[in-house]
């Protein structure tokens, strides 16, 4: 890739991946322990945290996936961000 991405891009992306990992693991746990209130509380906390991280990332670097909110109402930005194999 001709234009390297800033270190902050990778830092924020790693934080999103870590939060999403926790969310996914809690989903798997809650599938077998649906009445565990502490796990449900943790799931809600990390799901919200993941959304916040994604909003901040998308505001700075553009959409993470198709269907993400387009931060600019005058320009379609989905095709202007790096593709997954470029990061």
PDB file of N, CA and C in Angstrom:
ATOM      1  N   UNK A   1       0.855  -1.172   0.000  1.00  0.00           N
ATOM      2  CA  UNK A   1       0.000   0.000   0.000  1.00  0.00           C
ATOM      3  C   UNK A   1       0.900   1.234   0.000  1.00  0.00           C
ATOM      4  N   UNK A   2       0.585   2.164  -0.867  1.00  0.00           N
ATOM      5  CA  UNK A   2       1.418   3.345  -1.047  1.00  0.00           C
ATOM      6  C   UNK A   2       1.355   4.307   0.125  1.00  0.00           C
ATOM      7  N   UNK A   3       0.205   4.437   0.754  1.00  0.00           N
ATOM      8  CA  UNK A   3       0.027   5.407   1.822  1.00  0.00           C
ATOM      9  C   UNK A   3      -0.187   4.674   3.146  1.00  0.00           C
ATOM     10  N   UNK A   4       0.860   4.568   3.998  1.00  0.00           N
ATOM     11  CA  UNK A   4       0.693   3.821   5.247  1.00  0.00           C
ATOM     12  C   UNK A   4      -0.316   4.484   6.190  1.00  0.00           C
ATOM     13  N   UNK A   5      -0.997   3.654   6.917  1.00  0.00           N
ATOM     14  CA  UNK A   5      -1.997   4.145   7.870  1.00  0.00           C
ATOM     15  C   UNK A   5      -1.314   4.565   9.170  1.00  0.00           C
ATOM     16  N   UNK A   6      -1.882   5.538   9.876  1.00  0.00           N
ATOM     17  CA  UNK A   6      -1.273   5.978  11.138  1.00  0.00           C
ATOM     18  C   UNK A   6      -1.381   4.890  12.209  1.00  0.00           C
ATOM     19  N   UNK A   7      -0.494   4.945  13.173  1.00  0.00           N
ATOM     20  CA  UNK A   7      -0.494   3.968  14.265  1.00  0.00           C
ATOM     21  C   UNK A   7      -1.806   3.977  15.035  1.00  0.00           C
ATOM     22  N   UNK A   8      -2.429   5.143  15.131  1.00  0.00           N
ATOM     23  CA  UNK A   8      -3.706   5.264  15.849  1.00  0.00           C
ATOM     24  C   UNK A   8      -4.787   4.406  15.190  1.00  0.00           C
ATOM     25  N   UNK A   9      -4.736   4.257  13.880  1.00  0.00           N
ATOM     26  CA  UNK A   9      -5.688   3.409  13.154  1.00  0.00           C
ATOM     27  C   UNK A   9      -5.621   1.984  13.706  1.00  0.00           C
ATOM     28  N   UNK A  10      -4.413   1.455  13.780  1.00  0.00           N
ATOM     29  CA  UNK A  10      -4.232   0.080  14.253  1.00  0.00           C
ATOM     30  C   UNK A  10      -4.552  -0.058  15.741  1.00  0.00           C
ATOM     31  N   UNK A  11      -4.221   0.963  16.515  1.00  0.00           N
ATOM     32  CA  UNK A  11      -4.506   0.930  17.953  1.00  0.00           C
ATOM     33  C   UNK A  11      -6.015   0.855  18.190  1.00  0.00           C
ATOM     34  N   UNK A  12      -6.752   1.723  17.515  1.00  0.00           N
ATOM     35  CA  UNK A  12      -8.211   1.727  17.690  1.00  0.00           C
ATOM     36  C   UNK A  12      -8.831   0.441  17.155  1.00  0.00           C
ATOM     37  N   UNK A  13      -8.333  -0.058  16.036  1.00  0.00           N
ATOM     38  CA  UNK A  13      -8.855  -1.294  15.465  1.00  0.00           C
ATOM     39  C   UNK A  13      -8.621  -2.466  16.414  1.00  0.00           C
ATOM     40  N   UNK A  14      -7.467  -2.498  17.058  1.00  0.00           N
ATOM     41  CA  UNK A  14      -7.173  -3.553  18.028  1.00  0.00           C
ATOM     42  C   UNK A  14      -8.105  -3.465  19.242  1.00  0.00           C
ATOM     43  N   UNK A  15      -8.405  -2.267  19.698  1.00  0.00           N
ATOM     44  CA  UNK A  15      -9.335  -2.097  20.824  1.00  0.00           C
ATOM     45  C   UNK A  15     -10.733  -2.602  20.453  1.00  0.00           C
ATOM     46  N   UNK A  16     -11.160  -2.316  19.225  1.00  0.00           N
ATOM     47  CA  UNK A  16     -12.463  -2.799  18.750  1.00  0.00           C
ATOM     48  C   UNK A  16     -12.476  -4.325  18.708  1.00  0.00           C
ATOM     49  N   UNK A  17     -11.423  -4.912  18.186  1.00  0.00           N
ATOM     50  CA  UNK A  17     -11.345  -6.370  18.096  1.00  0.00           C
ATOM     51  C   UNK A  17     -11.371  -7.007  19.481  1.00  0.00           C
ATOM     52  N   UNK A  18     -10.684  -6.410  20.432  1.00  0.00           N
ATOM     53  CA  UNK A  18     -10.674  -6.955  21.792  1.00  0.00           C
ATOM     54  C   UNK A  18     -12.065  -6.867  22.426  1.00  0.00           C
ATOM     55  N   UNK A  19     -12.726  -5.736  22.267  1.00  0.00           N
ATOM     56  CA  UNK A  19     -14.070  -5.583  22.830  1.00  0.00           C
ATOM     57  C   UNK A  19     -15.048  -6.554  22.168  1.00  0.00           C
ATOM     58  N   UNK A  20     -14.951  -6.701  20.853  1.00  0.00           N
ATOM     59  CA  UNK A  20     -15.831  -7.625  20.147  1.00  0.00           C
ATOM     60  C   UNK A  20     -15.566  -9.077  20.540  1.00  0.00           C
ATOM     61  N   UNK A  21     -14.330  -9.412  20.848  1.00  0.00           N
ATOM     62  CA  UNK A  21     -13.999 -10.751  21.319  1.00  0.00           C
ATOM     63  C   UNK A  21     -14.705 -11.030  22.640  1.00  0.00           C
ATOM     64  N   UNK A  22     -14.647 -10.076  23.551  1.00  0.00           N
ATOM     65  CA  UNK A  22     -15.317 -10.222  24.848  1.00  0.00           C
ATOM     66  C   UNK A  22     -16.827 -10.371  24.652  1.00  0.00           C
ATOM     67  N   UNK A  23     -17.398  -9.558  23.782  1.00  0.00           N
ATOM     68  CA  UNK A  23     -18.841  -9.638  23.503  1.00  0.00           C
ATOM     69  C   UNK A  23     -19.192 -11.024  22.971  1.00  0.00           C
ATOM     70  N   UNK A  24     -18.407 -11.512  22.029  1.00  0.00           N
ATOM     71  CA  UNK A  24     -18.683 -12.830  21.441  1.00  0.00           C
ATOM     72  C   UNK A  24     -18.575 -13.946  22.485  1.00  0.00           C
ATOM     73  N   UNK A  25     -17.559 -13.895  23.306  1.00  0.00           N
ATOM     74  CA  UNK A  25     -17.392 -14.917  24.347  1.00  0.00           C
ATOM     75  C   UNK A  25     -18.538 -14.872  25.360  1.00  0.00           C
ATOM     76  N   UNK A  26     -18.981 -13.679  25.704  1.00  0.00           N
ATOM     77  CA  UNK A  26     -20.109 -13.561  26.635  1.00  0.00           C
ATOM     78  C   UNK A  26     -21.402 -14.084  26.006  1.00  0.00           C
ATOM     79  N   UNK A  27     -21.567 -13.881  24.693  1.00  0.00           N
ATOM     80  CA  UNK A  27     -22.729 -14.447  24.011  1.00  0.00           C
ATOM     81  C   UNK A  27     -22.714 -15.966  24.127  1.00  0.00           C
ATOM     82  N   UNK A  28     -21.572 -16.573  23.876  1.00  0.00           N
ATOM     83  CA  UNK A  28     -21.461 -18.030  23.967  1.00  0.00           C
ATOM     84  C   UNK A  28     -21.752 -18.507  25.386  1.00  0.00           C
ATOM     85  N   UNK A  29     -21.234 -17.791  26.374  1.00  0.00           N
ATOM     86  CA  UNK A  29     -21.474 -18.159  27.765  1.00  0.00           C
ATOM     87  C   UNK A  29     -22.948 -18.026  28.117  1.00  0.00           C
ATOM     88  N   UNK A  30     -23.555 -16.918  27.706  1.00  0.00           N
ATOM     89  CA  UNK A  30     -24.965 -16.674  28.032  1.00  0.00           C
ATOM     90  C   UNK A  30     -25.906 -17.659  27.330  1.00  0.00           C
ATOM     91  N   UNK A  31     -25.468 -18.242  26.219  1.00  0.00           N
ATOM     92  CA  UNK A  31     -26.270 -19.274  25.568  1.00  0.00           C
ATOM     93  C   UNK A  31     -26.485 -20.475  26.487  1.00  0.00           C
ATOM     94  N   UNK A  32     -25.514 -20.734  27.354  1.00  0.00           N
ATOM     95  CA  UNK A  32     -25.618 -21.886  28.257  1.00  0.00           C
ATOM     96  C   UNK A  32     -25.911 -21.496  29.699  1.00  0.00           C
ATOM     97  N   UNK A  33     -25.825 -20.200  30.000  1.00  0.00           N
ATOM     98  CA  UNK A  33     -26.079 -19.694  31.354  1.00  0.00           C
ATOM     99  C   UNK A  33     -26.963 -18.448  31.277  1.00  0.00           C
ATOM    100  N   UNK A  34     -28.175 -18.578  30.752  1.00  0.00           N
ATOM    101  CA  UNK A  34     -29.003 -17.397  30.475  1.00  0.00           C
ATOM    102  C   UNK A  34     -29.460 -16.612  31.698  1.00  0.00           C
ATOM    103  N   UNK A  35     -29.355 -17.171  32.888  1.00  0.00           N
ATOM    104  CA  UNK A  35     -29.813 -16.452  34.082  1.00  0.00           C
ATOM    105  C   UNK A  35     -28.680 -15.802  34.864  1.00  0.00           C
ATOM    106  N   UNK A  36     -27.462 -15.856  34.349  1.00  0.00           N
ATOM    107  CA  UNK A  36     -26.309 -15.266  35.027  1.00  0.00           C
ATOM    108  C   UNK A  36     -26.356 -13.744  34.855  1.00  0.00           C
ATOM    109  N   UNK A  37     -26.826 -13.063  35.879  1.00  0.00           N
ATOM    110  CA  UNK A  37     -27.018 -11.611  35.809  1.00  0.00           C
ATOM    111  C   UNK A  37     -25.700 -10.851  35.684  1.00  0.00           C
ATOM    112  N   UNK A  38     -24.640 -11.347  36.300  1.00  0.00           N
ATOM    113  CA  UNK A  38     -23.346 -10.670  36.194  1.00  0.00           C
ATOM    114  C   UNK A  38     -22.832 -10.738  34.749  1.00  0.00           C
ATOM    115  N   UNK A  39     -22.963 -11.892  34.131  1.00  0.00           N
ATOM    116  CA  UNK A  39     -22.529 -12.037  32.744  1.00  0.00           C
ATOM    117  C   UNK A  39     -23.380 -11.167  31.818  1.00  0.00           C
ATOM    118  N   UNK A  40     -24.668 -11.102  32.065  1.00  0.00           N
ATOM    119  CA  UNK A  40     -25.550 -10.263  31.259  1.00  0.00           C
ATOM    120  C   UNK A  40     -25.170  -8.784  31.402  1.00  0.00           C
ATOM    121  N   UNK A  41     -24.851  -8.385  32.618  1.00  0.00           N
ATOM    122  CA  UNK A  41     -24.416  -7.013  32.851  1.00  0.00           C
ATOM    123  C   UNK A  41     -23.103  -6.722  32.115  1.00  0.00           C
ATOM    124  N   UNK A  42     -22.163  -7.666  32.170  1.00  0.00           N
ATOM    125  CA  UNK A  42     -20.892  -7.499  31.456  1.00  0.00           C
ATOM    126  C   UNK A  42     -21.124  -7.431  29.955  1.00  0.00           C
ATOM    127  N   UNK A  43     -22.025  -8.279  29.452  1.00  0.00           N
ATOM    128  CA  UNK A  43     -22.339  -8.260  28.029  1.00  0.00           C
ATOM    129  C   UNK A  43     -22.866  -6.882  27.618  1.00  0.00           C
ATOM    130  N   UNK A  44     -23.819  -6.357  28.360  1.00  0.00           N
ATOM    131  CA  UNK A  44     -24.386  -5.046  28.040  1.00  0.00           C
ATOM    132  C   UNK A  44     -23.325  -3.952  28.082  1.00  0.00           C
ATOM    133  N   UNK A  45     -22.443  -4.029  29.065  1.00  0.00           N
ATOM    134  CA  UNK A  45     -21.372  -3.045  29.210  1.00  0.00           C
ATOM    135  C   UNK A  45     -20.421  -3.097  28.014  1.00  0.00           C
ATOM    136  N   UNK A  46     -19.966  -4.297  27.644  1.00  0.00           N
ATOM    137  CA  UNK A  46     -19.005  -4.411  26.549  1.00  0.00           C
ATOM    138  C   UNK A  46     -19.644  -4.173  25.187  1.00  0.00           C
ATOM    139  N   UNK A  47     -20.920  -4.524  25.018  1.00  0.00           N
ATOM    140  CA  UNK A  47     -21.607  -4.231  23.764  1.00  0.00           C
ATOM    141  C   UNK A  47     -21.697  -2.726  23.556  1.00  0.00           C
ATOM    142  N   UNK A  48     -22.004  -1.989  24.605  1.00  0.00           N
ATOM    143  CA  UNK A  48     -22.060  -0.529  24.531  1.00  0.00           C
ATOM    144  C   UNK A  48     -20.672   0.051  24.273  1.00  0.00           C
ATOM    145  N   UNK A  49     -19.675  -0.474  24.964  1.00  0.00           N
ATOM    146  CA  UNK A  49     -18.295  -0.018  24.779  1.00  0.00           C
ATOM    147  C   UNK A  49     -17.845  -0.249  23.331  1.00  0.00           C
ATOM    148  N   UNK A  50     -18.174  -1.397  22.779  1.00  0.00           N
ATOM    149  CA  UNK A  50     -17.830  -1.705  21.392  1.00  0.00           C
ATOM    150  C   UNK A  50     -18.472  -0.707  20.440  1.00  0.00           C
ATOM    151  N   UNK A  51     -19.723  -0.361  20.667  1.00  0.00           N
ATOM    152  CA  UNK A  51     -20.408   0.618  19.822  1.00  0.00           C
ATOM    153  C   UNK A  51     -19.721   1.975  19.893  1.00  0.00           C
ATOM    154  N   UNK A  52     -19.314   2.369  21.099  1.00  0.00           N
ATOM    155  CA  UNK A  52     -18.624   3.658  21.264  1.00  0.00           C
ATOM    156  C   UNK A  52     -17.300   3.661  20.513  1.00  0.00           C
ATOM    157  N   UNK A  53     -16.541   2.564  20.635  1.00  0.00           N
ATOM    158  CA  UNK A  53     -15.258   2.466  19.939  1.00  0.00           C
ATOM    159  C   UNK A  53     -15.451   2.545  18.424  1.00  0.00           C
ATOM    160  N   UNK A  54     -16.471   1.855  17.935  1.00  0.00           N
ATOM    161  CA  UNK A  54     -16.730   1.847  16.496  1.00  0.00           C
ATOM    162  C   UNK A  54     -17.159   3.222  15.995  1.00  0.00           C
ATOM    163  N   UNK A  55     -17.980   3.916  16.764  1.00  0.00           N
ATOM    164  CA  UNK A  55     -18.393   5.277  16.369  1.00  0.00           C
ATOM    165  C   UNK A  55     -17.175   6.201  16.288  1.00  0.00           C
ATOM    166  N   UNK A  56     -16.295   6.108  17.281  1.00  0.00           N
ATOM    167  CA  UNK A  56     -15.108   6.960  17.286  1.00  0.00           C
ATOM    168  C   UNK A  56     -14.189   6.621  16.109  1.00  0.00           C
ATOM    169  N   UNK A  57     -14.012   5.331  15.847  1.00  0.00           N
ATOM    170  CA  UNK A  57     -13.168   4.906  14.738  1.00  0.00           C
ATOM    171  C   UNK A  57     -13.732   5.402  13.413  1.00  0.00           C
ATOM    172  N   UNK A  58     -15.031   5.206  13.204  1.00  0.00           N
ATOM    173  CA  UNK A  58     -15.665   5.589  11.943  1.00  0.00           C
ATOM    174  C   UNK A  58     -15.660   7.100  11.744  1.00  0.00           C
ATOM    175  N   UNK A  59     -15.766   7.850  12.813  1.00  0.00           N
ATOM    176  CA  UNK A  59     -15.716   9.307  12.700  1.00  0.00           C
ATOM    177  C   UNK A  59     -14.343   9.775  12.239  1.00  0.00           C
ATOM    178  N   UNK A  60     -13.305   9.048  12.639  1.00  0.00           N
ATOM    179  CA  UNK A  60     -11.944   9.445  12.291  1.00  0.00           C
ATOM    180  C   UNK A  60     -11.447   8.812  11.001  1.00  0.00           C
ATOM    181  N   UNK A  61     -11.793   7.533  10.764  1.00  0.00           N
ATOM    182  CA  UNK A  61     -11.195   6.803   9.650  1.00  0.00           C
ATOM    183  C   UNK A  61     -12.175   6.327   8.584  1.00  0.00           C
ATOM    184  N   UNK A  62     -13.462   6.465   8.814  1.00  0.00           N
ATOM    185  CA  UNK A  62     -14.440   6.014   7.839  1.00  0.00           C
ATOM    186  C   UNK A  62     -15.104   4.715   8.269  1.00  0.00           C
ATOM    187  N   UNK A  63     -16.061   4.237   7.477  1.00  0.00           N
ATOM    188  CA  UNK A  63     -16.859   3.076   7.872  1.00  0.00           C
ATOM    189  C   UNK A  63     -16.039   1.799   8.023  1.00  0.00           C
ATOM    190  N   UNK A  64     -16.434   0.983   8.986  1.00  0.00           N
ATOM    191  CA  UNK A  64     -15.804  -0.318   9.211  1.00  0.00           C
ATOM    192  C   UNK A  64     -16.416  -1.414   8.350  1.00  0.00           C
ATOM    193  N   UNK A  65     -17.678  -1.275   8.040  1.00  0.00           N
ATOM    194  CA  UNK A  65     -18.359  -2.303   7.263  1.00  0.00           C
ATOM    195  C   UNK A  65     -19.494  -1.666   6.475  1.00  0.00           C
ATOM    196  N   UNK A  66     -19.998  -2.415   5.508  1.00  0.00           N
ATOM    197  CA  UNK A  66     -21.137  -1.913   4.755  1.00  0.00           C
ATOM    198  C   UNK A  66     -22.299  -1.709   5.708  1.00  0.00           C
ATOM    199  N   UNK A  67     -23.032  -0.665   5.480  1.00  0.00           N
ATOM    200  CA  UNK A  67     -24.167  -0.374   6.341  1.00  0.00           C
ATOM    201  C   UNK A  67     -23.824   0.496   7.531  1.00  0.00           C
ATOM    202  N   UNK A  68     -22.531   0.772   7.749  1.00  0.00           N
ATOM    203  CA  UNK A  68     -22.153   1.689   8.819  1.00  0.00           C
ATOM    204  C   UNK A  68     -22.668   3.075   8.462  1.00  0.00           C
ATOM    205  N   UNK A  69     -22.979   3.873   9.464  1.00  0.00           N
ATOM    206  CA  UNK A  69     -23.444   5.233   9.164  1.00  0.00           C
ATOM    207  C   UNK A  69     -22.401   5.985   8.351  1.00  0.00           C
ATOM    208  N   UNK A  70     -22.834   6.704   7.365  1.00  0.00           N
ATOM    209  CA  UNK A  70     -21.937   7.495   6.536  1.00  0.00           C
ATOM    210  C   UNK A  70     -21.742   8.849   7.206  1.00  0.00           C
ATOM    211  N   UNK A  71     -20.525   9.142   7.709  1.00  0.00           N
ATOM    212  CA  UNK A  71     -20.328  10.389   8.457  1.00  0.00           C
ATOM    213  C   UNK A  71     -20.530  11.648   7.619  1.00  0.00           C
ATOM    214  N   UNK A  72     -20.404  11.531   6.311  1.00  0.00           N
ATOM    215  CA  UNK A  72     -20.597  12.688   5.444  1.00  0.00           C
ATOM    216  C   UNK A  72     -21.866  12.490   4.632  1.00  0.00           C
ATOM    217  N   UNK A  73     -22.753  13.443   4.694  1.00  0.00           N
ATOM    218  CA  UNK A  73     -24.003  13.309   3.959  1.00  0.00           C
ATOM    219  C   UNK A  73     -23.837  13.669   2.485  1.00  0.00           C
ATOM    220  N   UNK A  74     -22.702  14.267   2.097  1.00  0.00           N
ATOM    221  CA  UNK A  74     -22.529  14.696   0.714  1.00  0.00           C
ATOM    222  C   UNK A  74     -21.631  13.771  -0.106  1.00  0.00           C
ATOM    223  N   UNK A  75     -20.934  12.845   0.556  1.00  0.00           N
ATOM    224  CA  UNK A  75     -19.993  11.968  -0.147  1.00  0.00           C
ATOM    225  C   UNK A  75     -20.124  10.545   0.388  1.00  0.00           C
ATOM    226  N   UNK A  76     -20.139   9.581  -0.522  1.00  0.00           N
ATOM    227  CA  UNK A  76     -20.160   8.172  -0.138  1.00  0.00           C
ATOM    228  C   UNK A  76     -18.727   7.756   0.155  1.00  0.00           C
ATOM    229  N   UNK A  77     -18.417   7.347   1.405  1.00  0.00           N
ATOM    230  CA  UNK A  77     -17.032   7.108   1.808  1.00  0.00           C
ATOM    231  C   UNK A  77     -16.639   5.638   1.903  1.00  0.00           C
ATOM    232  N   UNK A  78     -17.575   4.729   1.664  1.00  0.00           N
ATOM    233  CA  UNK A  78     -17.259   3.307   1.850  1.00  0.00           C
ATOM    234  C   UNK A  78     -16.060   2.873   1.016  1.00  0.00           C
ATOM    235  N   UNK A  79     -15.948   3.334  -0.203  1.00  0.00           N
ATOM    236  CA  UNK A  79     -14.871   2.879  -1.080  1.00  0.00           C
ATOM    237  C   UNK A  79     -13.583   3.667  -0.918  1.00  0.00           C
ATOM    238  N   UNK A  80     -13.529   4.614  -0.010  1.00  0.00           N
ATOM    239  CA  UNK A  80     -12.315   5.417   0.164  1.00  0.00           C
ATOM    240  C   UNK A  80     -11.464   4.962   1.351  1.00  0.00           C
ATOM    241  N   UNK A  81     -11.934   3.995   2.110  1.00  0.00           N
ATOM    242  CA  UNK A  81     -11.160   3.497   3.252  1.00  0.00           C
ATOM    243  C   UNK A  81     -10.414   2.233   2.841  1.00  0.00           C
ATOM    244  N   UNK A  82      -9.390   1.827   3.596  1.00  0.00           N
ATOM    245  CA  UNK A  82      -8.632   0.630   3.225  1.00  0.00           C
ATOM    246  C   UNK A  82      -9.492  -0.639   3.284  1.00  0.00           C
ATOM    247  N   UNK A  83      -9.237  -1.531   2.368  1.00  0.00           N
ATOM    248  CA  UNK A  83      -9.897  -2.831   2.373  1.00  0.00           C
ATOM    249  C   UNK A  83      -9.230  -3.700   3.436  1.00  0.00           C
ATOM    250  N   UNK A  84      -9.911  -4.731   3.937  1.00  0.00           N
ATOM    251  CA  UNK A  84      -9.340  -5.544   5.027  1.00  0.00           C
ATOM    252  C   UNK A  84      -7.936  -6.079   4.740  1.00  0.00           C
ATOM    253  N   UNK A  85      -7.642  -6.446   3.522  1.00  0.00           N
ATOM    254  CA  UNK A  85      -6.320  -6.999   3.195  1.00  0.00           C
ATOM    255  C   UNK A  85      -5.265  -5.919   3.078  1.00  0.00           C
ATOM    256  N   UNK A  86      -5.669  -4.664   3.185  1.00  0.00           N
ATOM    257  CA  UNK A  86      -4.720  -3.570   3.111  1.00  0.00           C
ATOM    258  C   UNK A  86      -4.242  -3.086   4.481  1.00  0.00           C
ATOM    259  N   UNK A  87      -4.833  -3.596   5.540  1.00  0.00           N
ATOM    260  CA  UNK A  87      -4.445  -3.108   6.877  1.00  0.00           C
ATOM    261  C   UNK A  87      -3.527  -4.047   7.594  1.00  0.00           C
TER     262      UNK A  87
END
